[in-house]
Amino acid sequence: MEGSYEILQINDTDIVSVPEWTEGCIYYQIFPERFAKGSEERNDLAAWDSAPTRDNYMGGTLSGITDKIPYLSDLGVGCIYLNPIFLADFNHKYATTDYFQIDPLFGTEEDLISLVDIAHRNGIKIILDGVFNHVGIHFAPFEDLVRNGEDSQYREWFYPKRFPIENTPECYECVGDYPYMPRLNGAKSDVRKYVRDVLLYWLDHAHIDGWRFDVADELDRHAVTWWREEVKKKYPDAVLLCETWGDASNMLGPDGFDCAMNYLFRDTMIDYFAHGSITESIFSNRLMNMLMRYPDQMNMAMYNCLGSHDTARFLTECGNEKWKLKQAMAFQMLFLGSPAIYYGDELGMTGENDPGCRGGMIWEHPDQNLLTWEKELVQVRKEHEAVRKGSYEPLITDDQTHLFAFKRSLGSDYVIAVFNLGETSHHLDFTEAEESVDVQPHSVKIITKS
């Protein structure tokens, strides 16, 4: 039977592409104030192992991070994502005062340049947190708005509701009615140019490798497209990673971001491994639904996290049952995409959501068993291109035995991972691997072939 088909012309700008280095890259997220101290002495710090609060400081610095590059290199990290490091209020630094100045509590511009240089020499890239949806109340243009009111030259940079401006959400739009973070109006050309200059300044001067955009789903879409064009024409390999807590498909592509923080992935990991609230078949369906939302290249580059500075620690979600965390770590490292480690998860850190998840790195009391497990998983990932860039195929989805298995393959190279969340052992035969395996309760079995 003959037929005819009409295929629309594809333009160059329709073609999806991401920086090649991001496909399957292992990220490591660092909350700078809590990762590692430098040599600087301060007398206003809480004890490093004290309970984190929204107000206390523990003294983490950029030079402290630099000192730990050998640790991160040994772990197998490919890219560090730093939470905000610019001059700002509060220990989280999401209320920016000056985007062109490193917060002195963290160090200097020279410290950042040194960190990036040493990281690069160890094969590790660095991306910074770009907080452009909002600013802090001590940001100079906002101070001008407060001071000059309706006559301020920066009136259109923000969303004033009434004058005079007082520190209250009744006077201006802010993040979550939090008055210390006024929203920035990215629809205005002066704001767009200002943000463009910030993006390029740190790419030019510190040679960073990209940006993570905070609250990206609230940014002006036309501004995002223009920022992408401005960055990519000079730095085509710089990654533009966006934060969103849901489906990111309408935010990615040739006119948007390269990839997203994949909280859909985390939600699924929490429900299956940590809480055990969904069956194997629902688990598999949710994963496949997630993968179908994005083109293959973007799936390879999605930032697949188990947690972040905005969530409870995964081990806490697991009720401190480490076998659950170990299974989730294995799934994360062997699944399609770019696994993202939140600092200290590999050492067994716990903590409820902000501020509990932002504790001082437990350098003195690591769980060596977990760390060894993570390193073994990273090694499998590095040895098998099938894990970094291959296809994904579910093999076993058994709601009765609580077995789940999948295969990653690329040519003759493949990895099969079997997860037993149940209470009984199982003997399994894999014809394609010509191998039989025994899978103990609460364990993971990995079969590889190159």
Protein backbone atom coordinates (compact mmCIF):
# COMPACT_ATOMS: atom_id res chain seq x y z
CA MET A 1 0.00 0.00 0.00
CA GLU A 2 1.46 3.28 -1.09
CA GLY A 3 1.14 6.49 0.84
CA SER A 4 2.64 9.92 1.16
CA TYR A 5 3.92 11.74 4.20
CA GLU A 6 4.62 15.35 4.92
CA ILE A 7 7.64 16.12 7.09
CA LEU A 8 8.21 19.69 8.16
CA GLN A 9 11.58 21.27 7.53
CA ILE A 10 13.87 21.15 10.57
CA ASN A 11 15.89 24.28 11.19
CA ASP A 12 19.27 24.40 12.88
CA THR A 13 17.72 26.13 15.87
CA ASP A 14 15.30 23.19 16.32
CA ILE A 15 18.09 20.70 16.90
CA VAL A 16 18.53 19.68 20.53
CA SER A 17 22.11 19.70 21.76
CA VAL A 18 23.78 19.76 25.15
CA PRO A 19 27.47 20.16 26.02
CA GLU A 20 28.93 16.72 25.41
CA TRP A 21 30.72 16.66 28.76
CA THR A 22 27.39 16.82 30.62
CA GLU A 23 26.12 13.51 29.25
CA GLY A 24 26.57 11.06 32.11
CA CYS A 25 28.71 13.45 34.15
CA ILE A 26 28.88 12.88 37.93
CA TYR A 27 27.94 16.07 39.80
CA TYR A 28 28.77 16.90 43.40
CA GLN A 29 26.79 19.67 45.12
CA ILE A 30 28.53 21.74 47.80
CA PHE A 31 26.93 24.14 50.26
CA PRO A 32 30.06 26.30 50.69
CA GLU A 33 29.46 27.42 54.28
CA ARG A 34 29.37 23.81 55.50
CA PHE A 35 31.82 21.79 53.39
CA ALA A 36 35.35 22.55 54.58
CA LYS A 37 37.12 25.27 56.54
CA GLY A 38 40.11 27.14 55.22
CA SER A 39 43.03 28.38 57.31
CA GLU A 40 41.32 31.64 58.29
CA GLU A 41 40.59 32.12 61.99
CA ARG A 42 37.21 33.51 63.12
CA ASN A 43 35.69 33.86 66.57
CA ASP A 44 32.03 34.02 65.53
CA LEU A 45 31.60 30.40 64.44
CA ALA A 46 29.46 27.61 65.81
CA ALA A 47 31.14 24.26 66.35
CA TRP A 48 31.55 22.38 63.09
CA ASP A 49 29.58 19.40 64.42
CA SER A 50 26.82 21.49 66.01
CA ALA A 51 23.24 21.43 64.79
CA PRO A 52 22.84 23.64 61.69
CA THR A 53 20.44 26.57 61.99
CA ARG A 54 19.32 29.27 59.59
CA ASP A 55 21.42 31.79 61.48
CA ASN A 56 24.67 30.15 62.56
CA TYR A 57 27.95 30.10 60.68
CA MET A 58 30.50 27.27 60.69
CA GLY A 59 33.23 28.75 58.53
CA GLY A 60 33.35 26.88 55.23
CA THR A 61 35.43 28.64 52.55
CA LEU A 62 36.51 28.36 48.93
CA SER A 63 40.07 27.55 49.97
CA GLY A 64 38.64 24.77 52.14
CA ILE A 65 36.95 23.32 49.06
CA THR A 66 40.21 23.61 47.14
CA ASP A 67 41.97 21.59 49.83
CA LYS A 68 39.44 18.79 49.31
CA ILE A 69 39.86 18.51 45.55
CA PRO A 70 41.98 15.35 45.99
CA TYR A 71 39.08 13.76 47.90
CA LEU A 72 36.60 14.69 45.15
CA SER A 73 38.96 13.51 42.44
CA ASP A 74 39.41 10.17 44.20
CA LEU A 75 35.63 9.87 44.50
CA GLY A 76 35.34 10.32 40.73
CA VAL A 77 33.48 13.62 40.59
CA GLY A 78 33.23 15.26 37.16
CA CYS A 79 31.63 18.59 38.08
CA ILE A 80 31.13 20.57 41.30
CA TYR A 81 27.96 22.62 41.67
CA LEU A 82 28.46 25.39 44.25
CA ASN A 83 25.54 26.99 46.04
CA PRO A 84 25.76 30.83 45.95
CA ILE A 85 29.17 32.34 46.72
CA PHE A 86 28.52 36.04 45.98
CA LEU A 87 28.24 38.79 48.58
CA ALA A 88 24.85 38.26 50.21
CA ASP A 89 22.87 38.20 53.42
CA PHE A 90 22.37 35.02 55.47
CA ASN A 91 24.45 31.85 55.55
CA HIS A 92 22.74 30.42 52.45
CA LYS A 93 23.70 33.48 50.32
CA TYR A 94 20.49 33.46 48.26
CA ALA A 95 19.81 37.13 49.11
CA THR A 96 22.44 38.66 46.83
CA THR A 97 23.99 42.06 47.54
CA ASP A 98 26.67 42.13 44.81
CA TYR A 99 26.96 39.60 41.99
CA PHE A 100 30.44 40.82 41.07
CA GLN A 101 32.00 40.21 44.47
CA ILE A 102 32.79 36.93 46.22
CA ASP A 103 31.41 36.97 49.74
CA PRO A 104 34.43 37.68 51.99
CA LEU A 105 33.26 34.96 54.37
CA PHE A 106 34.10 32.51 51.57
CA GLY A 107 37.23 34.23 50.26
CA THR A 108 38.17 36.32 47.25
CA GLU A 109 37.90 36.28 43.49
CA GLU A 110 41.46 34.95 43.44
CA ASP A 111 40.33 32.06 45.67
CA LEU A 112 37.62 31.16 43.16
CA ILE A 113 40.05 31.38 40.24
CA SER A 114 42.47 29.13 42.13
CA LEU A 115 39.70 26.63 42.95
CA VAL A 116 38.59 26.43 39.32
CA ASP A 117 42.18 26.10 38.09
CA ILE A 118 43.05 23.27 40.49
CA ALA A 119 39.72 21.55 39.82
CA HIS A 120 40.33 21.71 36.07
CA ARG A 121 43.80 20.24 36.50
CA ASN A 122 42.13 17.32 38.25
CA GLY A 123 39.54 16.86 35.51
CA ILE A 124 36.72 18.49 37.49
CA LYS A 125 34.48 21.26 36.18
CA ILE A 126 32.79 23.98 38.27
CA ILE A 127 29.34 25.55 37.90
CA LEU A 128 28.00 28.43 39.99
CA ASP A 129 24.55 29.18 41.34
CA GLY A 130 22.91 32.09 39.51
CA VAL A 131 20.20 33.62 41.69
CA PHE A 132 18.52 35.96 39.21
CA ASN A 133 14.88 35.56 40.14
CA HIS A 134 15.38 37.69 43.22
CA VAL A 135 17.96 39.70 45.15
CA GLY A 136 18.63 40.77 48.72
CA ILE A 137 17.36 44.00 50.27
CA HIS A 138 20.92 45.39 50.33
CA PHE A 139 21.32 45.04 46.55
CA ALA A 140 22.20 48.59 45.44
CA PRO A 141 19.35 49.07 42.92
CA PHE A 142 16.81 47.92 45.51
CA GLU A 143 18.28 50.27 48.11
CA ASP A 144 17.84 53.04 45.54
CA LEU A 145 14.18 52.06 45.13
CA VAL A 146 13.68 52.23 48.89
CA ARG A 147 15.46 55.58 49.09
CA ASN A 148 13.92 57.31 46.06
CA GLY A 149 10.58 55.55 45.72
CA GLU A 150 8.64 56.33 42.55
CA ASP A 151 11.52 58.50 41.29
CA SER A 152 14.07 55.68 41.46
CA GLN A 153 15.81 54.91 38.17
CA TYR A 154 15.52 51.24 39.18
CA ARG A 155 11.77 51.24 39.73
CA GLU A 156 11.18 48.88 36.79
CA TRP A 157 13.82 46.44 38.02
CA PHE A 158 11.36 45.26 40.66
CA TYR A 159 7.63 44.84 41.27
CA PRO A 160 6.63 47.63 43.67
CA LYS A 161 3.03 47.60 44.89
CA ARG A 162 2.92 50.81 46.88
CA PHE A 163 5.11 53.63 48.12
CA PRO A 164 6.98 54.40 50.26
CA ILE A 165 8.82 51.09 50.20
CA GLU A 166 9.02 49.35 53.54
CA ASN A 167 10.44 45.90 54.31
CA THR A 168 7.16 44.04 53.86
CA PRO A 169 5.58 41.93 51.10
CA GLU A 170 2.70 44.41 50.96
CA CYS A 171 5.11 46.86 49.32
CA TYR A 172 6.73 44.67 46.65
CA GLU A 173 6.71 41.18 45.21
CA CYS A 174 9.15 38.82 46.88
CA VAL A 175 9.89 35.10 47.06
CA GLY A 176 7.24 33.30 49.05
CA ASP A 177 6.26 36.51 50.83
CA TYR A 178 9.76 36.54 52.31
CA PRO A 179 10.53 40.29 52.42
CA TYR A 180 14.31 39.87 52.45
CA MET A 181 14.26 38.55 48.87
CA PRO A 182 12.57 41.04 46.46
CA ARG A 183 11.82 39.67 42.99
CA LEU A 184 13.88 40.95 40.08
CA ASN A 185 12.05 41.85 36.85
CA GLY A 186 13.91 39.97 34.12
CA ALA A 187 11.46 41.20 31.48
CA LYS A 188 13.17 44.62 31.50
CA SER A 189 16.10 45.13 29.12
CA ASP A 190 18.36 46.76 31.72
CA VAL A 191 17.92 43.78 34.04
CA ARG A 192 18.56 41.34 31.19
CA LYS A 193 21.78 43.13 30.28
CA TYR A 194 22.88 43.24 33.91
CA VAL A 195 22.38 39.48 34.31
CA ARG A 196 24.10 38.84 30.97
CA ASP A 197 27.10 40.79 32.23
CA VAL A 198 27.20 38.72 35.43
CA LEU A 199 27.03 35.44 33.49
CA LEU A 200 29.85 36.40 31.16
CA TYR A 201 32.00 38.05 33.84
CA TRP A 202 32.56 34.84 35.78
CA LEU A 203 32.91 32.75 32.62
CA ASP A 204 35.55 35.23 31.42
CA HIS A 205 37.43 35.85 34.66
CA ALA A 206 37.17 32.62 36.63
CA HIS A 207 36.74 30.24 33.66
CA ILE A 208 33.83 28.43 35.27
CA ASP A 209 31.99 25.81 33.24
CA GLY A 210 28.41 26.94 33.50
CA TRP A 211 25.53 28.11 35.63
CA ARG A 212 22.69 26.66 37.66
CA PHE A 213 19.65 28.99 37.55
CA ASP A 214 17.71 29.26 40.81
CA VAL A 215 13.88 29.29 40.63
CA ALA A 216 14.25 29.01 36.88
CA ASP A 217 10.58 28.32 36.23
CA GLU A 218 9.75 31.85 37.39
CA LEU A 219 12.29 33.58 35.14
CA ASP A 220 11.12 35.49 32.07
CA ARG A 221 11.33 33.03 29.19
CA HIS A 222 12.42 35.64 26.63
CA ALA A 223 15.22 36.68 28.98
CA VAL A 224 16.34 33.06 29.31
CA THR A 225 16.46 32.66 25.52
CA TRP A 226 18.57 35.80 25.17
CA TRP A 227 20.93 34.84 28.02
CA ARG A 228 21.43 31.48 26.36
CA GLU A 229 22.28 33.10 23.04
CA GLU A 230 24.72 35.51 24.68
CA VAL A 231 26.48 32.76 26.63
CA LYS A 232 26.52 30.07 23.95
CA LYS A 233 27.97 32.22 21.18
CA LYS A 234 31.09 32.69 23.29
CA TYR A 235 31.00 29.57 25.48
CA PRO A 236 29.14 26.81 23.60
CA ASP A 237 30.29 24.16 26.10
CA ALA A 238 29.03 26.05 29.16
CA VAL A 239 26.12 24.20 30.74
CA LEU A 240 22.90 26.02 31.66
CA LEU A 241 21.18 23.97 34.35
CA CYS A 242 17.76 24.99 35.65
CA GLU A 243 15.99 24.40 38.92
CA THR A 244 12.40 23.23 38.78
CA TRP A 245 10.50 20.78 40.94
CA GLY A 246 8.29 19.37 38.22
CA ASP A 247 8.22 18.67 34.51
CA ALA A 248 10.97 20.72 32.85
CA SER A 249 10.14 19.83 29.25
CA ASN A 250 8.86 23.32 28.38
CA MET A 251 12.00 24.92 29.82
CA LEU A 252 14.64 22.96 27.90
CA GLY A 253 15.87 23.08 24.34
CA PRO A 254 17.56 25.33 21.81
CA ASP A 255 15.79 28.39 23.23
CA GLY A 256 16.05 27.41 26.90
CA PHE A 257 18.21 25.45 29.31
CA ASP A 258 20.39 22.43 28.59
CA CYS A 259 19.13 20.29 31.45
CA ALA A 260 17.32 20.44 34.77
CA MET A 261 17.58 19.39 38.38
CA ASN A 262 15.52 16.23 38.14
CA TYR A 263 13.31 16.31 41.22
CA LEU A 264 10.89 13.97 39.42
CA PHE A 265 13.69 11.41 39.66
CA ARG A 266 14.23 12.15 43.36
CA ASP A 267 10.51 11.89 44.12
CA THR A 268 10.43 8.46 42.52
CA MET A 269 13.54 7.31 44.41
CA ILE A 270 12.00 8.50 47.69
CA ASP A 271 8.69 6.74 47.08
CA TYR A 272 10.28 3.44 46.04
CA PHE A 273 13.54 3.01 47.92
CA ALA A 274 13.11 5.24 50.98
CA HIS A 275 9.41 4.93 51.80
CA GLY A 276 8.43 1.76 49.94
CA SER A 277 5.11 3.40 49.10
CA ILE A 278 4.88 2.31 45.44
CA THR A 279 5.10 -1.06 43.73
CA GLU A 280 7.75 -2.14 41.24
CA SER A 281 5.36 -1.71 38.31
CA ILE A 282 4.39 1.82 39.37
CA PHE A 283 8.07 2.59 39.93
CA SER A 284 8.94 1.44 36.41
CA ASN A 285 6.01 3.30 34.86
CA ARG A 286 7.00 6.54 36.56
CA LEU A 287 10.57 6.22 35.34
CA MET A 288 9.49 5.54 31.76
CA ASN A 289 7.03 8.43 31.88
CA MET A 290 9.84 10.68 33.07
CA LEU A 291 12.20 9.55 30.30
CA MET A 292 9.55 10.12 27.64
CA ARG A 293 9.25 13.80 28.58
CA TYR A 294 12.70 14.68 27.23
CA PRO A 295 14.84 13.97 24.15
CA ASP A 296 17.53 11.31 24.63
CA GLN A 297 20.38 13.82 24.78
CA MET A 298 18.70 15.72 27.58
CA ASN A 299 17.90 12.53 29.47
CA MET A 300 21.62 11.77 29.39
CA ALA A 301 22.35 15.19 30.90
CA MET A 302 19.57 15.44 33.50
CA TYR A 303 20.82 16.24 37.00
CA ASN A 304 19.56 13.15 38.85
CA CYS A 305 19.71 13.95 42.57
CA LEU A 306 18.71 12.00 45.67
CA GLY A 307 18.63 15.21 47.68
CA SER A 308 19.79 18.81 47.84
CA HIS A 309 20.06 21.81 50.14
CA ASP A 310 16.27 22.15 49.82
CA THR A 311 15.29 18.61 50.89
CA ALA A 312 15.70 16.25 53.79
CA ARG A 313 18.74 13.99 53.50
CA PHE A 314 17.98 10.73 51.72
CA LEU A 315 19.23 8.64 54.65
CA THR A 316 16.83 10.53 56.91
CA GLU A 317 14.01 9.79 54.48
CA CYS A 318 15.07 6.12 54.75
CA GLY A 319 14.63 6.14 58.52
CA ASN A 320 18.42 5.67 58.76
CA GLU A 321 18.21 2.24 57.14
CA LYS A 322 21.44 2.31 55.17
CA TRP A 323 20.60 -0.63 52.92
CA LYS A 324 17.90 1.55 51.37
CA LEU A 325 20.38 4.35 50.74
CA LYS A 326 22.87 1.89 49.24
CA GLN A 327 20.23 0.61 46.83
CA ALA A 328 19.26 4.15 45.83
CA MET A 329 22.92 5.10 45.34
CA ALA A 330 23.36 2.09 43.04
CA PHE A 331 20.26 2.94 41.04
CA GLN A 332 21.31 6.58 40.73
CA MET A 333 24.82 5.70 39.53
CA LEU A 334 23.71 3.06 37.02
CA PHE A 335 20.57 4.75 35.66
CA LEU A 336 20.42 6.90 32.55
CA GLY A 337 21.46 10.51 33.17
CA SER A 338 23.94 12.44 35.29
CA PRO A 339 24.00 11.36 38.95
CA ALA A 340 24.30 14.21 41.45
CA ILE A 341 25.73 13.60 44.92
CA TYR A 342 24.73 16.04 47.67
CA TYR A 343 27.82 16.59 49.82
CA GLY A 344 28.12 14.08 52.63
CA ASP A 345 25.47 11.63 51.46
CA GLU A 346 28.33 9.32 50.52
CA LEU A 347 29.57 9.52 54.14
CA GLY A 348 26.20 8.84 55.76
CA MET A 349 25.07 12.36 56.67
CA THR A 350 21.53 12.79 57.97
CA GLY A 351 19.26 15.78 58.50
CA GLU A 352 15.73 17.01 58.06
CA ASN A 353 14.91 19.69 55.50
CA ASP A 354 16.44 23.18 55.74
CA PRO A 355 18.30 23.83 57.95
CA GLY A 356 18.88 20.22 59.04
CA CYS A 357 20.19 19.11 55.65
CA ARG A 358 22.93 21.77 55.72
CA GLY A 359 25.18 20.41 58.46
CA GLY A 360 28.96 20.55 58.59
CA MET A 361 30.61 17.83 56.46
CA ILE A 362 31.39 14.85 58.70
CA TRP A 363 35.06 14.55 57.81
CA GLU A 364 35.91 13.13 61.25
CA HIS A 365 33.15 10.51 61.35
CA PRO A 366 32.57 9.13 57.85
CA ASP A 367 30.80 5.87 57.10
CA GLN A 368 33.63 4.15 55.26
CA ASN A 369 31.36 1.34 54.10
CA LEU A 370 29.07 3.77 52.29
CA LEU A 371 32.02 5.67 50.84
CA THR A 372 33.58 2.46 49.53
CA TRP A 373 30.23 1.45 48.02
CA GLU A 374 29.90 4.80 46.24
CA LYS A 375 33.42 4.52 44.85
CA GLU A 376 32.72 1.01 43.55
CA LEU A 377 29.59 2.26 41.79
CA VAL A 378 31.46 5.20 40.28
CA GLN A 379 34.11 2.79 39.02
CA VAL A 380 31.47 0.68 37.24
CA ARG A 381 30.13 3.86 35.67
CA LYS A 382 33.57 4.94 34.47
CA GLU A 383 34.49 1.51 33.11
CA HIS A 384 31.29 1.05 31.08
CA GLU A 385 30.26 3.49 28.40
CA ALA A 386 26.94 1.67 28.38
CA VAL A 387 26.17 3.25 31.76
CA ARG A 388 27.21 6.73 30.67
CA LYS A 389 25.62 6.80 27.23
CA GLY A 390 23.80 3.54 26.58
CA SER A 391 20.14 2.56 26.36
CA TYR A 392 17.92 1.72 29.31
CA GLU A 393 15.70 -1.38 29.42
CA PRO A 394 13.67 -2.71 32.37
CA LEU A 395 14.11 -6.49 32.69
CA ILE A 396 12.24 -7.48 35.85
CA THR A 397 9.30 -5.67 37.44
CA ASP A 398 7.81 -8.01 40.04
CA ASP A 399 5.34 -6.62 42.54
CA GLN A 400 5.14 -9.92 44.42
CA THR A 401 8.83 -10.64 45.02
CA HIS A 402 9.82 -6.96 45.10
CA LEU A 403 12.49 -7.55 42.49
CA PHE A 404 13.44 -4.91 39.96
CA ALA A 405 16.14 -5.20 37.31
CA PHE A 406 17.28 -3.15 34.34
CA LYS A 407 19.92 -3.29 31.63
CA ARG A 408 22.12 -0.54 30.24
CA SER A 409 23.70 -1.44 26.90
CA LEU A 410 25.81 0.06 24.14
CA GLY A 411 27.00 -2.36 21.49
CA SER A 412 28.51 -5.39 23.22
CA ASP A 413 29.03 -3.45 26.45
CA TYR A 414 26.28 -3.82 29.05
CA VAL A 415 25.49 -3.66 32.73
CA ILE A 416 22.59 -5.43 34.43
CA ALA A 417 21.50 -4.25 37.88
CA VAL A 418 19.16 -6.31 40.09
CA PHE A 419 17.49 -4.82 43.17
CA ASN A 420 15.88 -6.98 45.85
CA LEU A 421 13.74 -4.92 48.21
CA GLY A 422 12.04 -8.03 49.53
CA GLU A 423 12.69 -10.29 52.51
CA THR A 424 13.66 -13.49 50.65
CA SER A 425 16.57 -14.61 48.45
CA HIS A 426 16.12 -15.34 44.76
CA HIS A 427 18.08 -17.29 42.15
CA LEU A 428 17.90 -15.64 38.76
CA ASP A 429 19.06 -16.68 35.29
CA PHE A 430 19.97 -14.04 32.73
CA THR A 431 20.14 -15.59 29.28
CA GLU A 432 21.80 -12.57 27.68
CA ALA A 433 24.53 -12.62 30.30
CA GLU A 434 24.82 -16.42 30.33
CA GLU A 435 24.97 -16.03 34.06
CA SER A 436 22.98 -17.03 37.12
CA VAL A 437 22.98 -14.93 40.26
CA ASP A 438 21.71 -15.20 43.80
CA VAL A 439 20.21 -11.98 45.08
CA GLN A 440 19.99 -11.67 48.85
CA PRO A 441 17.26 -9.65 50.62
CA HIS A 442 17.84 -5.90 50.70
CA SER A 443 20.77 -6.14 48.28
CA VAL A 444 21.93 -5.18 44.79
CA LYS A 445 23.59 -7.50 42.28
CA ILE A 446 25.50 -6.00 39.34
CA ILE A 447 26.45 -8.01 36.24
CA THR A 448 28.84 -6.47 33.72
CA LYS A 449 30.24 -7.37 30.33
CA SER A 450 32.50 -5.33 28.02
